[in-house]
């Protein structure tokens, strides 16, 4: 049995592995801190071997070790860019959770998130865990894998080039959508809190002797919990929408490379 490996094929596989490994390191689900480094390397190697076998990419020409290193740097830039954008899409959930907790009066109740390395609020953690669970159960993580596989179709090995005007428009549009989507997720809580504030304002004018501040704090928490329990029913729809938005954002990003 012939087990010889062509040098160019091995170099193409390793170059492909660099892009996929950089993507897996920070991408949602695969880049979670609960997955240790060895497991991430194994996942990246399995994905790279599967994609390499299916696509059989061509290794670009280079004439020195510096040329090969430059190709690896470009592949790492592609993988890190795709992983960073996909992780930013998922961070919309954290922003929406902070909006919700601020309206409910629970913004001071925070806990440490091992994935992001920062303090996050209760609702942010709740939404984060539920969405990641739904992604794994419903196989929506294939949206994430599809992005890195499609990158080899649009950007061949060593073909990375930055289109700055196009990338600027993409990033600016994403920042706008980032806040709009987060506000839309937290919209029911905003509406409920606004209606409650109007009611408390009317009651304050009609009964000045009542301590509406103490009553309002408790009413906000109770009303927020009721609204949040209803909003949880729509978490699967939110997850699907975020995955579709991630796919469209990554497609736009690939168009500028």
Protein backbone atom coordinates (compact mmCIF):
# COMPACT_ATOMS: atom_id res chain seq x y z
CA UNK A 1 0.00 0.00 0.00
CA UNK A 2 1.38 3.38 -1.05
CA UNK A 3 1.39 5.82 1.86
CA UNK A 4 3.48 8.55 0.26
CA UNK A 5 2.24 12.12 0.65
CA UNK A 6 2.96 14.83 -1.87
CA UNK A 7 4.68 17.85 -0.38
CA UNK A 8 2.36 20.36 -2.04
CA UNK A 9 -0.70 18.49 -0.80
CA UNK A 10 0.66 18.46 2.75
CA UNK A 11 1.42 22.18 2.56
CA UNK A 12 -2.07 22.89 1.23
CA UNK A 13 -3.59 20.91 4.09
CA UNK A 14 -1.51 22.70 6.71
CA UNK A 15 -2.37 26.08 5.17
CA UNK A 16 -6.06 25.18 5.24
CA UNK A 17 -5.67 23.99 8.84
CA UNK A 18 -4.29 27.40 9.89
CA UNK A 19 -7.40 29.20 8.60
CA UNK A 20 -9.81 26.73 10.19
CA UNK A 21 -7.91 26.58 13.50
CA UNK A 22 -7.92 30.39 13.82
CA UNK A 23 -11.64 30.39 13.09
CA UNK A 24 -12.43 27.61 15.57
CA UNK A 25 -10.38 29.34 18.28
CA UNK A 26 -12.81 32.27 18.64
CA UNK A 27 -15.98 31.23 16.80
CA UNK A 28 -19.21 30.67 18.78
CA UNK A 29 -19.81 27.17 20.16
CA UNK A 30 -16.43 25.82 19.00
CA UNK A 31 -14.44 28.57 20.74
CA UNK A 32 -16.22 28.27 24.08
CA UNK A 33 -13.88 28.30 27.07
CA UNK A 34 -15.30 25.01 28.32
CA UNK A 35 -13.62 23.31 25.31
CA UNK A 36 -9.92 22.87 26.06
CA UNK A 37 -7.16 23.63 23.58
CA UNK A 38 -6.47 20.02 22.59
CA UNK A 39 -10.12 19.45 21.74
CA UNK A 40 -10.19 22.60 19.61
CA UNK A 41 -7.12 21.45 17.69
CA UNK A 42 -8.77 18.06 17.15
CA UNK A 43 -12.00 19.70 15.93
CA UNK A 44 -10.05 21.98 13.58
CA UNK A 45 -8.01 19.04 12.22
CA UNK A 46 -11.15 16.97 11.56
CA UNK A 47 -12.87 19.86 9.78
CA UNK A 48 -9.73 20.65 7.77
CA UNK A 49 -9.30 17.01 6.72
CA UNK A 50 -12.95 16.79 5.63
CA UNK A 51 -12.86 20.04 3.66
CA UNK A 52 -9.47 19.20 2.13
CA UNK A 53 -10.71 15.81 0.96
CA UNK A 54 -13.86 17.31 -0.55
CA UNK A 55 -12.32 20.38 -2.22
CA UNK A 56 -8.68 19.35 -2.91
CA UNK A 57 -7.40 22.98 -3.02
CA UNK A 58 -4.31 24.07 -4.94
CA UNK A 59 -1.32 25.40 -3.05
CA UNK A 60 -0.23 28.87 -4.29
CA UNK A 61 3.32 29.33 -5.48
CA UNK A 62 6.00 30.71 -3.15
CA UNK A 63 9.78 30.92 -3.44
CA UNK A 64 11.09 31.03 0.13
CA UNK A 65 10.19 30.29 3.71
CA UNK A 66 9.16 33.93 4.07
CA UNK A 67 6.71 33.52 1.21
CA UNK A 68 5.17 30.48 2.87
CA UNK A 69 5.00 32.33 6.20
CA UNK A 70 3.24 35.24 4.50
CA UNK A 71 0.64 32.85 3.07
CA UNK A 72 0.07 31.40 6.55
CA UNK A 73 -0.38 34.90 7.98
CA UNK A 74 -2.99 35.71 5.35
CA UNK A 75 -4.86 32.50 6.11
CA UNK A 76 -4.75 33.28 9.83
CA UNK A 77 -6.15 36.76 9.10
CA UNK A 78 -9.08 35.26 7.17
CA UNK A 79 -9.88 32.76 9.95
CA UNK A 80 -9.60 35.32 12.74
CA UNK A 81 -11.74 37.85 10.85
CA UNK A 82 -14.53 35.33 10.25
CA UNK A 83 -14.39 34.08 13.84
CA UNK A 84 -14.40 37.61 15.25
CA UNK A 85 -17.44 38.68 13.21
CA UNK A 86 -19.37 35.52 14.13
CA UNK A 87 -18.59 36.03 17.83
CA UNK A 88 -19.71 39.67 17.58
CA UNK A 89 -23.09 38.56 16.24
CA UNK A 90 -23.56 36.36 19.30
CA UNK A 91 -22.55 39.23 21.60
CA UNK A 92 -25.82 40.93 20.60
CA UNK A 93 -27.47 38.63 23.14
CA UNK A 94 -25.28 40.00 25.94
CA UNK A 95 -26.14 43.58 25.02
CA UNK A 96 -29.87 42.78 24.87
CA UNK A 97 -29.67 41.05 28.26
CA UNK A 98 -27.99 44.10 29.79
CA UNK A 99 -30.73 46.33 28.37
CA UNK A 100 -33.38 44.07 29.92
CA UNK A 101 -31.72 43.91 33.33
CA UNK A 102 -31.25 47.68 33.39
CA UNK A 103 -34.99 48.18 32.88
CA UNK A 104 -35.86 45.53 35.46
CA UNK A 105 -33.47 46.91 38.07
CA UNK A 106 -31.20 43.85 38.07
CA UNK A 107 -28.16 45.42 36.44
CA UNK A 108 -26.19 45.22 39.71
CA UNK A 109 -26.69 41.44 39.98
CA UNK A 110 -23.79 40.23 37.85
CA UNK A 111 -21.72 37.08 37.55
CA UNK A 112 -18.44 36.20 35.87
CA UNK A 113 -18.72 34.74 32.36
CA UNK A 114 -15.83 32.36 31.64
CA UNK A 115 -16.36 32.65 27.89
CA UNK A 116 -16.01 36.42 27.56
CA UNK A 117 -13.94 36.98 30.70
CA UNK A 118 -16.11 39.89 31.91
CA UNK A 119 -18.96 40.39 34.36
CA UNK A 120 -22.37 39.87 32.78
CA UNK A 121 -25.91 40.24 34.05
CA UNK A 122 -28.39 37.49 34.90
CA UNK A 123 -30.50 37.76 31.76
CA UNK A 124 -27.40 37.84 29.56
CA UNK A 125 -26.23 34.55 31.04
CA UNK A 126 -29.71 33.05 30.74
CA UNK A 127 -30.07 34.00 27.07
CA UNK A 128 -26.50 32.95 26.30
CA UNK A 129 -26.91 29.44 27.74
CA UNK A 130 -30.33 28.92 26.17
CA UNK A 131 -29.23 30.04 22.71
CA UNK A 132 -26.10 27.90 22.75
CA UNK A 133 -28.18 24.92 23.82
CA UNK A 134 -30.69 25.53 21.02
CA UNK A 135 -27.84 25.88 18.50
CA UNK A 136 -26.42 22.49 19.45
CA UNK A 137 -29.75 20.70 19.69
CA UNK A 138 -31.15 22.03 16.40
CA UNK A 139 -27.85 21.70 14.44
CA UNK A 140 -27.70 25.43 13.78
CA UNK A 141 -23.93 25.28 14.32
CA UNK A 142 -23.78 24.07 10.71
CA UNK A 143 -24.38 27.74 9.78
CA UNK A 144 -21.02 28.47 11.41
CA UNK A 145 -19.27 25.60 9.65
CA UNK A 146 -20.83 26.56 6.32
CA UNK A 147 -19.20 29.99 6.56
CA UNK A 148 -15.67 28.66 6.90
CA UNK A 149 -16.24 26.09 4.14
CA UNK A 150 -17.65 28.74 1.79
CA UNK A 151 -14.61 30.91 2.48
CA UNK A 152 -12.43 28.46 0.54
CA UNK A 153 -14.74 28.79 -2.45
CA UNK A 154 -14.63 32.60 -2.43
CA UNK A 155 -11.08 33.08 -1.14
CA UNK A 156 -8.61 30.42 -2.34
CA UNK A 157 -5.47 29.64 -0.38
CA UNK A 158 -3.25 32.71 -0.37
CA UNK A 159 -5.90 34.82 -2.12
CA UNK A 160 -6.66 37.20 0.76
CA UNK A 161 -6.77 40.90 -0.21
CA UNK A 162 -8.46 43.67 1.73
CA UNK A 163 -11.01 45.89 -0.04
CA UNK A 164 -11.03 48.77 2.42
CA UNK A 165 -14.03 50.83 1.11
CA UNK A 166 -16.21 47.74 0.91
CA UNK A 167 -15.08 46.52 4.36
CA UNK A 168 -15.78 49.97 5.83
CA UNK A 169 -19.35 49.88 4.56
CA UNK A 170 -19.83 46.35 5.87
CA UNK A 171 -18.49 47.18 9.35
CA UNK A 172 -20.51 50.40 9.58
CA UNK A 173 -23.69 48.59 8.55
CA UNK A 174 -23.00 45.84 11.06
CA UNK A 175 -22.54 48.31 13.92
CA UNK A 176 -25.92 49.87 13.11
CA UNK A 177 -27.62 46.46 12.94
CA UNK A 178 -25.85 45.42 16.15
CA UNK A 179 -27.71 47.99 18.24
CA UNK A 180 -30.97 47.71 16.30
CA UNK A 181 -31.19 43.92 16.75
CA UNK A 182 -30.27 44.13 20.44
CA UNK A 183 -32.92 46.78 21.03
CA UNK A 184 -35.53 44.73 19.15
CA UNK A 185 -34.84 41.72 21.37
CA UNK A 186 -35.29 43.83 24.50
CA UNK A 187 -38.25 45.79 23.08
CA UNK A 188 -41.02 43.99 25.07
CA UNK A 189 -39.30 44.87 28.35
CA UNK A 190 -38.91 48.49 27.26
CA UNK A 191 -42.59 48.70 26.35
CA UNK A 192 -43.69 47.10 29.63
CA UNK A 193 -41.40 49.38 31.67
CA UNK A 194 -42.63 52.48 29.81
CA UNK A 195 -46.29 51.61 30.42
CA UNK A 196 -45.52 50.97 34.09
CA UNK A 197 -43.72 54.31 34.42
CA UNK A 198 -46.73 56.09 32.89
CA UNK A 199 -49.09 54.37 35.33
CA UNK A 200 -46.85 55.20 38.29
CA UNK A 201 -46.61 58.82 37.13
CA UNK A 202 -50.40 59.13 37.01
CA UNK A 203 -50.71 57.51 40.45
CA UNK A 204 -48.08 59.88 41.86
CA UNK A 205 -50.11 62.89 40.71
CA UNK A 206 -53.34 61.44 42.07
CA UNK A 207 -51.89 60.18 45.39
CA UNK A 208 -48.77 62.19 46.31
CA UNK A 209 -48.65 60.63 49.80
CA UNK A 210 -47.85 57.18 48.39
CA UNK A 211 -44.19 56.17 48.03
CA UNK A 212 -44.22 55.31 44.34
CA UNK A 213 -40.45 54.83 44.26
CA UNK A 214 -40.56 51.81 46.58
CA UNK A 215 -43.63 50.41 44.82
CA UNK A 216 -42.14 51.00 41.35
CA UNK A 217 -38.99 48.98 42.08
CA UNK A 218 -41.01 45.91 43.06
CA UNK A 219 -43.49 46.33 40.23
CA UNK A 220 -40.68 46.59 37.66
CA UNK A 221 -39.15 43.31 38.82
CA UNK A 222 -42.50 41.49 38.84
CA UNK A 223 -43.62 42.87 35.49
CA UNK A 224 -40.19 42.23 34.00
CA UNK A 225 -40.24 38.60 35.13
CA UNK A 226 -43.66 38.10 33.57
CA UNK A 227 -42.57 39.69 30.28
CA UNK A 228 -39.33 37.70 30.33
CA UNK A 229 -41.20 34.42 30.82
CA UNK A 230 -43.23 35.21 27.70
CA UNK A 231 -40.14 36.28 25.73
CA UNK A 232 -38.43 32.95 26.44
CA UNK A 233 -40.98 31.30 24.15
CA UNK A 234 -39.47 33.25 21.24
CA UNK A 235 -35.83 32.34 21.96
CA UNK A 236 -35.77 29.65 19.19
CA UNK A 237 -36.93 32.26 16.66
CA UNK A 238 -34.29 34.68 17.93
CA UNK A 239 -31.61 32.00 17.60
CA UNK A 240 -32.59 31.21 14.02
CA UNK A 241 -32.61 34.91 13.14
CA UNK A 242 -29.15 35.42 14.64
CA UNK A 243 -27.75 32.46 12.71
CA UNK A 244 -29.19 33.82 9.47
CA UNK A 245 -27.80 37.26 10.27
CA UNK A 246 -24.41 35.72 11.03
CA UNK A 247 -24.48 33.91 7.69
CA UNK A 248 -25.32 37.12 5.79
CA UNK A 249 -22.65 39.12 7.66
CA UNK A 250 -19.96 36.53 6.98
CA UNK A 251 -20.98 36.40 3.32
CA UNK A 252 -20.64 40.18 3.11
CA UNK A 253 -17.27 40.03 4.86
CA UNK A 254 -16.00 37.39 2.44
CA UNK A 255 -17.01 39.63 -0.45
CA UNK A 256 -14.56 42.27 0.74
CA UNK A 257 -11.56 39.94 1.04
